[in-house]
Protein backbone atom coordinates (compact mmCIF):
# COMPACT_ATOMS: atom_id res chain seq x y z
CA MET A 1 -8.12 -11.42 -12.99
CA THR A 2 -6.46 -11.14 -9.56
CA ALA A 3 -5.64 -7.47 -10.17
CA PHE A 4 -9.28 -6.83 -11.11
CA VAL A 5 -10.51 -8.47 -7.91
CA LEU A 6 -8.01 -6.53 -5.78
CA GLY A 7 -8.96 -3.30 -7.54
CA THR A 8 -12.64 -3.94 -6.91
CA MET A 9 -11.92 -4.66 -3.25
CA CYS A 10 -10.05 -1.34 -3.00
CA LEU A 11 -12.96 0.59 -4.45
CA VAL A 12 -15.47 -1.10 -2.15
CA THR A 13 -13.25 -0.52 0.88
CA LEU A 14 -12.80 3.13 -0.08
CA ALA A 15 -16.55 3.64 -0.60
CA VAL A 16 -17.38 2.06 2.77
CA GLY A 17 -14.68 4.12 4.49
CA VAL A 18 -15.91 7.38 2.96
CA HIS A 19 -19.49 6.61 3.96
CA ALA A 20 -18.48 5.67 7.49
CA GLY A 21 -16.38 8.81 7.81
CA SER A 22 -19.29 10.99 6.76
CA LEU A 23 -21.40 9.65 9.62
CA GLY A 24 -19.14 11.36 12.16
CA ALA A 25 -17.45 9.86 15.19
CA PRO A 26 -17.97 10.52 18.88
CA PRO A 27 -15.47 13.04 20.28
CA ALA A 28 -13.64 10.33 22.28
CA LEU A 29 -12.85 8.39 19.09
CA ASP A 30 -11.45 11.48 17.38
CA ARG A 31 -8.47 11.30 19.75
CA ALA A 32 -7.75 7.62 19.07
CA PRO A 33 -4.12 6.71 18.19
CA ARG A 34 -3.16 6.72 14.52
CA VAL A 35 -3.77 3.42 12.71
CA ASP A 36 -1.45 2.38 9.87
CA ARG A 37 -2.87 2.52 6.38
CA GLN A 38 -3.48 -0.65 4.42
CA ILE A 39 -2.59 -0.69 0.75
CA LEU A 40 -4.53 -3.31 -1.20
CA ALA A 41 -3.10 -2.58 -4.63
CA ASP A 42 -0.33 -4.37 -6.50
CA TRP A 43 1.52 -1.07 -6.98
CA GLN A 44 2.47 1.25 -4.15
CA ASP A 45 3.12 4.89 -4.94
CA PRO A 46 6.37 6.18 -3.39
CA ALA A 47 4.42 9.01 -1.73
CA LEU A 48 2.79 6.40 0.54
CA LEU A 49 6.12 5.18 1.93
CA PRO A 50 7.53 6.47 5.22
CA ARG A 51 10.44 8.86 4.57
CA GLN A 52 13.13 6.41 5.74
CA PHE A 53 12.19 4.00 2.91
CA TYR A 54 11.87 6.67 0.22
CA ASN A 55 15.16 6.07 -1.57
CA ASN A 56 16.57 4.39 -4.68
CA CYS A 57 13.44 5.48 -6.56
CA ALA A 58 13.00 5.18 -10.33
CA ILE A 59 10.40 4.93 -13.09
CA GLU A 60 9.36 1.46 -14.30
CA ASN A 61 10.20 1.09 -18.01
CA TRP A 62 7.10 -0.74 -19.25
CA SER A 63 4.44 1.08 -17.19
CA GLY A 64 5.98 4.50 -16.53
CA ARG A 65 4.97 4.29 -12.84
CA PRO A 66 7.36 5.39 -10.08
CA TYR A 67 8.61 2.96 -7.44
CA CYS A 68 11.27 2.80 -4.73
CA SER A 69 13.67 -0.08 -4.12
CA ASP A 70 15.12 0.99 -0.76
CA HIS A 71 17.59 -1.87 -0.07
CA CYS A 72 15.84 -4.48 -2.28
CA GLY A 73 18.06 -4.37 -5.35
CA ARG A 74 17.47 -4.31 -9.09
CA GLY A 75 14.10 -5.67 -10.22
CA TYR A 76 12.46 -5.34 -6.80
CA GLN A 77 10.10 -2.82 -5.25
CA PHE A 78 9.82 -1.93 -1.58
CA TYR A 79 6.29 -2.27 -0.12
CA TYR A 80 5.07 -0.92 3.20
CA CYS A 81 1.85 -2.27 4.74
CA THR A 82 2.21 -1.62 8.48
CA ARG A 83 5.03 -0.98 10.95
CA GLU A 84 5.31 -4.75 11.37
CA SER A 85 4.92 -5.80 7.72
CA PHE A 86 7.08 -4.39 4.93
CA GLY A 87 9.67 -5.66 2.52
CA CYS A 88 10.65 -6.44 -1.06
CA CYS A 89 8.70 -8.04 -3.91
CA THR A 90 9.23 -8.20 -7.65
CA ILE A 91 8.27 -4.84 -9.18
CA GLY A 92 4.48 -4.54 -9.36
CA TYR A 93 3.76 -7.89 -7.70
CA GLY A 94 3.50 -7.03 -4.01
CA TYR A 95 0.32 -6.22 -2.11
CA CYS A 96 -1.01 -5.85 1.41
CA ASP A 97 -3.67 -8.37 2.42
CA LEU A 98 -6.74 -7.52 4.49
CA ARG A 99 -4.80 -8.20 7.70
CA GLY A 100 -2.10 -5.73 6.71
CA HIS A 101 0.54 -8.35 5.88
CA LEU A 102 2.80 -8.01 2.85
CA ARG A 103 2.24 -10.67 0.18
CA CYS A 104 4.16 -11.26 -3.05
CA HIS A 105 2.70 -13.11 -6.00
CA PRO A 106 4.63 -14.29 -9.06
């Protein structure tokens, strides 16, 4: 049920972001500094990781999805939310909350 709620939140956030982006921004905002992405899913694709954390990657046996462990060790996946919040959680059980903080659930 939690995965369904998080998935729904992702879709709503994406839809709102696409709509807001289509409205256009004033030229001054176009030059704003880059903001870190927030990942609200329980699985983070390795392509979303910064290059320095893209190592010790493998394919999960039961789901067939790729993941990277970085320094986490066997059975753990590395998650990156923001420059200040990243780390290790059990494979498939980490997520970034709405504030951009890494959370692990059992």
